[in-house]
């Protein structure tokens, strides 16, 4: 867990005022500790991503929440898909094969 100044020192591409603004805008959502916001590894990765979007790709401010929302949706869908794959894997071989066959048939219909 890192505090604001630790994050600024670790990332080096962001200033404290920027970090606070990004938290205020909801782009980064750290936990709140007794002495202020506390950032974990995922928060730091997201801060690095926002740095890439803003500083390297020069993405406009109003586009950042759109991109972040889309990425959050993708990650959520991947998590759900992993859960579904795990549930299918837990089934007996005959059921797994039936699911695979049904999936392939559906893909063929859509093509």
N, C-alpha and C. Protein backbone atom coordinates (compact mmCIF):
# COMPACT_ATOMS: atom_id res chain seq x y z
N UNK A 1 0.83 -1.18 0.00
CA UNK A 1 0.00 0.00 0.00
C UNK A 1 0.88 1.25 0.00
N UNK A 2 0.51 2.19 -0.85
CA UNK A 2 1.30 3.41 -1.01
C UNK A 2 0.43 4.64 -0.73
N UNK A 3 1.07 5.66 -0.18
CA UNK A 3 0.40 6.95 -0.01
C UNK A 3 0.70 7.82 -1.23
N UNK A 4 0.02 8.95 -1.31
CA UNK A 4 0.14 9.82 -2.50
C UNK A 4 1.58 10.11 -2.89
N UNK A 5 2.37 10.54 -1.95
CA UNK A 5 3.76 10.91 -2.26
C UNK A 5 4.58 9.69 -2.70
N UNK A 6 4.26 8.52 -2.15
CA UNK A 6 4.93 7.29 -2.58
C UNK A 6 4.60 6.98 -4.04
N UNK A 7 3.34 7.19 -4.41
CA UNK A 7 2.90 6.93 -5.78
C UNK A 7 3.61 7.89 -6.74
N UNK A 8 3.66 9.16 -6.38
CA UNK A 8 4.33 10.15 -7.23
C UNK A 8 5.80 9.78 -7.41
N UNK A 9 6.44 9.33 -6.33
CA UNK A 9 7.85 8.94 -6.42
C UNK A 9 8.01 7.68 -7.26
N UNK A 10 7.08 6.75 -7.15
CA UNK A 10 7.18 5.48 -7.88
C UNK A 10 6.88 5.65 -9.36
N UNK A 11 5.88 6.44 -9.68
CA UNK A 11 5.46 6.59 -11.08
C UNK A 11 6.35 7.59 -11.81
N UNK A 12 6.69 8.67 -11.15
CA UNK A 12 7.61 9.70 -11.69
C UNK A 12 7.08 10.47 -12.89
N UNK A 13 5.95 10.10 -13.42
CA UNK A 13 5.38 10.81 -14.58
C UNK A 13 4.17 11.63 -14.18
N UNK A 14 3.92 11.69 -12.89
CA UNK A 14 2.74 12.40 -12.40
C UNK A 14 3.13 13.29 -11.23
N UNK A 15 2.47 14.42 -11.15
CA UNK A 15 2.68 15.32 -10.03
C UNK A 15 1.56 15.10 -9.02
N UNK A 16 1.80 15.50 -7.80
CA UNK A 16 0.83 15.30 -6.74
C UNK A 16 -0.52 15.94 -7.07
N UNK A 17 -0.49 17.14 -7.60
CA UNK A 17 -1.77 17.81 -7.93
C UNK A 17 -2.53 17.05 -9.01
N UNK A 18 -1.81 16.46 -9.98
CA UNK A 18 -2.46 15.66 -11.02
C UNK A 18 -3.11 14.42 -10.41
N UNK A 19 -2.35 13.76 -9.55
CA UNK A 19 -2.87 12.55 -8.90
C UNK A 19 -4.14 12.87 -8.14
N UNK A 20 -4.13 13.93 -7.39
CA UNK A 20 -5.32 14.33 -6.62
C UNK A 20 -6.49 14.65 -7.55
N UNK A 21 -6.21 15.30 -8.67
CA UNK A 21 -7.25 15.61 -9.64
C UNK A 21 -7.85 14.33 -10.22
N UNK A 22 -6.98 13.37 -10.57
CA UNK A 22 -7.46 12.11 -11.15
C UNK A 22 -8.31 11.34 -10.15
N UNK A 23 -7.95 11.40 -8.88
CA UNK A 23 -8.77 10.76 -7.85
C UNK A 23 -10.11 11.48 -7.74
N UNK A 24 -10.07 12.81 -7.74
CA UNK A 24 -11.29 13.61 -7.66
C UNK A 24 -12.22 13.33 -8.86
N UNK A 25 -11.63 13.13 -10.03
CA UNK A 25 -12.41 12.87 -11.24
C UNK A 25 -12.90 11.42 -11.30
N UNK A 26 -12.40 10.57 -10.40
CA UNK A 26 -12.83 9.18 -10.36
C UNK A 26 -12.07 8.27 -11.31
N UNK A 27 -11.00 8.76 -11.89
CA UNK A 27 -10.21 7.93 -12.80
C UNK A 27 -9.43 6.87 -12.03
N UNK A 28 -9.07 7.22 -10.79
CA UNK A 28 -8.39 6.29 -9.88
C UNK A 28 -9.20 6.31 -8.59
N UNK A 29 -9.43 5.13 -8.02
CA UNK A 29 -10.27 5.05 -6.83
C UNK A 29 -9.54 4.31 -5.71
N UNK A 30 -8.63 5.01 -5.03
CA UNK A 30 -7.89 4.37 -3.95
C UNK A 30 -8.77 4.14 -2.72
N UNK A 31 -8.30 3.27 -1.85
CA UNK A 31 -8.96 3.10 -0.55
C UNK A 31 -8.64 4.35 0.27
N UNK A 32 -9.46 4.61 1.25
CA UNK A 32 -9.22 5.76 2.12
C UNK A 32 -8.75 5.23 3.48
N UNK A 33 -7.52 5.59 3.82
CA UNK A 33 -6.95 5.20 5.11
C UNK A 33 -7.11 6.31 6.12
N UNK A 34 -6.55 6.10 7.29
CA UNK A 34 -6.65 7.10 8.36
C UNK A 34 -6.00 8.42 7.99
N UNK A 35 -4.93 8.35 7.18
CA UNK A 35 -4.23 9.59 6.83
C UNK A 35 -4.38 9.95 5.36
N UNK A 36 -5.47 9.48 4.74
CA UNK A 36 -5.73 9.86 3.35
C UNK A 36 -5.81 8.67 2.43
N UNK A 37 -5.77 8.93 1.12
CA UNK A 37 -5.88 7.85 0.15
C UNK A 37 -4.70 6.88 0.21
N UNK A 38 -5.01 5.61 0.01
CA UNK A 38 -4.00 4.56 0.01
C UNK A 38 -4.14 3.79 -1.29
N UNK A 39 -3.06 3.65 -2.02
CA UNK A 39 -3.07 3.06 -3.36
C UNK A 39 -2.46 1.66 -3.33
N UNK A 40 -3.08 0.74 -4.05
CA UNK A 40 -2.52 -0.61 -4.17
C UNK A 40 -1.90 -0.77 -5.56
N UNK A 41 -1.43 -1.98 -5.87
CA UNK A 41 -0.76 -2.23 -7.15
C UNK A 41 -1.67 -1.93 -8.34
N UNK A 42 -2.95 -2.29 -8.22
CA UNK A 42 -3.88 -2.03 -9.33
C UNK A 42 -4.07 -0.53 -9.55
N UNK A 43 -4.13 0.21 -8.46
CA UNK A 43 -4.26 1.68 -8.58
C UNK A 43 -3.04 2.25 -9.30
N UNK A 44 -1.85 1.77 -8.93
CA UNK A 44 -0.62 2.28 -9.55
C UNK A 44 -0.59 1.91 -11.04
N UNK A 45 -1.03 0.70 -11.37
CA UNK A 45 -1.09 0.29 -12.78
C UNK A 45 -2.06 1.19 -13.55
N UNK A 46 -3.18 1.51 -12.92
CA UNK A 46 -4.17 2.39 -13.57
C UNK A 46 -3.59 3.80 -13.75
N UNK A 47 -2.85 4.28 -12.76
CA UNK A 47 -2.21 5.59 -12.86
C UNK A 47 -1.22 5.60 -14.02
N UNK A 48 -0.46 4.53 -14.15
CA UNK A 48 0.48 4.43 -15.28
C UNK A 48 -0.27 4.42 -16.61
N UNK A 49 -1.40 3.72 -16.64
CA UNK A 49 -2.22 3.70 -17.85
C UNK A 49 -2.72 5.10 -18.19
N UNK A 50 -3.22 5.82 -17.19
CA UNK A 50 -3.71 7.18 -17.43
C UNK A 50 -2.55 8.07 -17.90
N UNK A 51 -1.37 7.88 -17.34
CA UNK A 51 -0.19 8.63 -17.82
C UNK A 51 0.05 8.34 -19.29
N UNK A 52 -0.03 7.07 -19.67
CA UNK A 52 0.15 6.71 -21.08
C UNK A 52 -0.91 7.38 -21.95
N UNK A 53 -2.16 7.32 -21.50
CA UNK A 53 -3.25 7.89 -22.29
C UNK A 53 -3.10 9.41 -22.44
N UNK A 54 -2.80 10.07 -21.34
CA UNK A 54 -2.74 11.53 -21.34
C UNK A 54 -1.44 12.07 -21.92
N UNK A 55 -0.33 11.47 -21.54
CA UNK A 55 0.97 12.06 -21.87
C UNK A 55 1.57 11.49 -23.16
N UNK A 56 1.44 10.19 -23.38
CA UNK A 56 2.02 9.58 -24.58
C UNK A 56 1.05 9.65 -25.77
N UNK A 57 -0.20 9.33 -25.52
CA UNK A 57 -1.19 9.30 -26.60
C UNK A 57 -1.93 10.62 -26.74
N UNK A 58 -1.70 11.55 -25.82
CA UNK A 58 -2.31 12.88 -25.81
C UNK A 58 -3.84 12.79 -25.96
N UNK A 59 -4.42 11.88 -25.20
CA UNK A 59 -5.87 11.70 -25.21
C UNK A 59 -6.53 12.89 -24.50
N UNK A 60 -7.56 13.47 -25.09
CA UNK A 60 -8.24 14.60 -24.44
C UNK A 60 -8.87 14.18 -23.11
N UNK A 61 -8.97 15.12 -22.21
CA UNK A 61 -9.51 14.86 -20.87
C UNK A 61 -10.87 14.20 -20.92
N UNK A 62 -11.74 14.66 -21.81
CA UNK A 62 -13.10 14.11 -21.86
C UNK A 62 -13.14 12.69 -22.42
N UNK A 63 -12.09 12.25 -23.08
CA UNK A 63 -12.05 10.89 -23.63
C UNK A 63 -11.54 9.87 -22.62
N UNK A 64 -10.79 10.33 -21.63
CA UNK A 64 -10.18 9.40 -20.66
C UNK A 64 -11.23 8.56 -19.94
N UNK A 65 -12.30 9.14 -19.38
CA UNK A 65 -13.27 8.29 -18.69
C UNK A 65 -13.95 7.28 -19.62
N UNK A 66 -14.10 7.63 -20.87
CA UNK A 66 -14.69 6.70 -21.83
C UNK A 66 -13.78 5.50 -22.03
N UNK A 67 -12.50 5.77 -22.25
CA UNK A 67 -11.53 4.69 -22.45
C UNK A 67 -11.43 3.83 -21.18
N UNK A 68 -11.35 4.47 -20.02
CA UNK A 68 -11.26 3.72 -18.77
C UNK A 68 -12.49 2.87 -18.54
N UNK A 69 -13.66 3.40 -18.84
CA UNK A 69 -14.90 2.63 -18.70
C UNK A 69 -14.91 1.42 -19.61
N UNK A 70 -14.50 1.61 -20.85
CA UNK A 70 -14.44 0.49 -21.80
C UNK A 70 -13.45 -0.58 -21.33
N UNK A 71 -12.30 -0.15 -20.85
CA UNK A 71 -11.32 -1.11 -20.33
C UNK A 71 -11.84 -1.84 -19.10
N UNK A 72 -12.53 -1.12 -18.22
CA UNK A 72 -13.13 -1.76 -17.04
C UNK A 72 -14.16 -2.81 -17.47
N UNK A 73 -14.96 -2.48 -18.50
CA UNK A 73 -15.95 -3.43 -19.00
C UNK A 73 -15.27 -4.67 -19.57
N UNK A 74 -14.19 -4.47 -20.31
CA UNK A 74 -13.45 -5.60 -20.88
C UNK A 74 -12.91 -6.50 -19.76
N UNK A 75 -12.33 -5.89 -18.75
CA UNK A 75 -11.79 -6.69 -17.63
C UNK A 75 -12.92 -7.43 -16.91
N UNK A 76 -14.06 -6.78 -16.75
CA UNK A 76 -15.20 -7.43 -16.11
C UNK A 76 -15.69 -8.62 -16.93
N UNK A 77 -15.77 -8.44 -18.23
CA UNK A 77 -16.19 -9.54 -19.10
C UNK A 77 -15.20 -10.69 -19.08
N UNK A 78 -13.92 -10.37 -19.06
CA UNK A 78 -12.89 -11.42 -18.99
C UNK A 78 -13.04 -12.21 -17.68
N UNK A 79 -13.30 -11.51 -16.58
CA UNK A 79 -13.49 -12.16 -15.28
C UNK A 79 -14.70 -13.09 -15.32
N UNK A 80 -15.80 -12.61 -15.92
CA UNK A 80 -17.00 -13.44 -16.04
C UNK A 80 -16.75 -14.65 -16.93
N UNK A 81 -16.02 -14.44 -18.02
CA UNK A 81 -15.71 -15.54 -18.94
C UNK A 81 -14.84 -16.60 -18.25
N UNK A 82 -13.87 -16.15 -17.45
CA UNK A 82 -13.05 -17.11 -16.69
C UNK A 82 -13.92 -17.91 -15.73
N UNK A 83 -14.87 -17.25 -15.10
CA UNK A 83 -15.78 -17.95 -14.18
C UNK A 83 -16.63 -18.97 -14.92
N UNK A 84 -17.14 -18.57 -16.07
CA UNK A 84 -17.95 -19.49 -16.87
C UNK A 84 -17.12 -20.67 -17.35
N UNK A 85 -15.90 -20.41 -17.80
CA UNK A 85 -15.01 -21.48 -18.26
C UNK A 85 -14.70 -22.43 -17.10
N UNK A 86 -14.51 -21.90 -15.93
CA UNK A 86 -14.27 -22.74 -14.75
C UNK A 86 -15.47 -23.61 -14.43
N UNK A 87 -16.66 -23.03 -14.55
CA UNK A 87 -17.89 -23.81 -14.29
C UNK A 87 -18.05 -24.92 -15.32
N UNK A 88 -17.76 -24.63 -16.58
CA UNK A 88 -17.85 -25.65 -17.63
C UNK A 88 -16.80 -26.73 -17.38
N UNK A 89 -15.59 -26.33 -17.02
CA UNK A 89 -14.52 -27.30 -16.74
C UNK A 89 -14.88 -28.24 -15.59
N UNK A 90 -15.68 -27.78 -14.66
CA UNK A 90 -16.05 -28.59 -13.50
C UNK A 90 -17.11 -29.64 -13.84
N UNK A 91 -17.66 -29.59 -15.05
CA UNK A 91 -18.71 -30.52 -15.45
C UNK A 91 -18.10 -31.83 -15.96
N UNK A 92 -18.90 -32.89 -15.95
CA UNK A 92 -18.43 -34.15 -16.52
C UNK A 92 -18.11 -33.97 -18.01
N UNK A 93 -17.26 -34.82 -18.54
CA UNK A 93 -16.79 -34.72 -19.92
C UNK A 93 -17.93 -34.62 -20.92
N UNK A 94 -18.98 -35.38 -20.72
CA UNK A 94 -20.11 -35.38 -21.66
C UNK A 94 -20.79 -34.00 -21.70
N UNK A 95 -20.95 -33.40 -20.55
CA UNK A 95 -21.58 -32.07 -20.47
C UNK A 95 -20.65 -31.03 -21.10
N UNK A 96 -19.35 -31.11 -20.78
CA UNK A 96 -18.38 -30.17 -21.38
C UNK A 96 -18.45 -30.23 -22.90
N UNK A 97 -18.48 -31.45 -23.43
CA UNK A 97 -18.51 -31.60 -24.89
C UNK A 97 -19.80 -31.06 -25.47
N UNK A 98 -20.91 -31.26 -24.78
CA UNK A 98 -22.19 -30.73 -25.25
C UNK A 98 -22.16 -29.20 -25.30
N UNK A 99 -21.56 -28.59 -24.31
CA UNK A 99 -21.45 -27.13 -24.29
C UNK A 99 -20.56 -26.65 -25.44
N UNK A 100 -19.44 -27.33 -25.65
CA UNK A 100 -18.53 -26.97 -26.75
C UNK A 100 -19.24 -27.11 -28.10
N UNK A 101 -19.96 -28.21 -28.28
CA UNK A 101 -20.67 -28.43 -29.54
C UNK A 101 -21.74 -27.35 -29.76
N UNK A 102 -22.48 -27.02 -28.72
CA UNK A 102 -23.52 -25.99 -28.83
C UNK A 102 -22.90 -24.64 -29.17
N UNK A 103 -21.76 -24.34 -28.55
CA UNK A 103 -21.08 -23.08 -28.82
C UNK A 103 -20.61 -23.01 -30.27
N UNK A 104 -19.99 -24.09 -30.74
CA UNK A 104 -19.52 -24.13 -32.13
C UNK A 104 -20.67 -23.99 -33.11
N UNK A 105 -21.79 -24.65 -32.83
CA UNK A 105 -22.96 -24.56 -33.70
C UNK A 105 -23.47 -23.12 -33.76
N UNK A 106 -23.46 -22.46 -32.63
CA UNK A 106 -23.94 -21.06 -32.57
C UNK A 106 -23.01 -20.15 -33.37
N UNK A 107 -21.72 -20.37 -33.25
CA UNK A 107 -20.74 -19.57 -34.00
C UNK A 107 -20.93 -19.80 -35.50
N UNK A 108 -21.14 -21.05 -35.91
CA UNK A 108 -21.36 -21.35 -37.31
C UNK A 108 -22.62 -20.67 -37.84
N UNK A 109 -23.67 -20.58 -37.03
CA UNK A 109 -24.91 -19.92 -37.43
C UNK A 109 -24.70 -18.42 -37.66
N UNK A 110 -23.86 -17.84 -36.83
CA UNK A 110 -23.62 -16.39 -36.92
C UNK A 110 -22.69 -16.02 -38.06
N UNK A 111 -21.92 -16.98 -38.57
CA UNK A 111 -20.95 -16.68 -39.62
C UNK A 111 -21.56 -16.58 -40.98
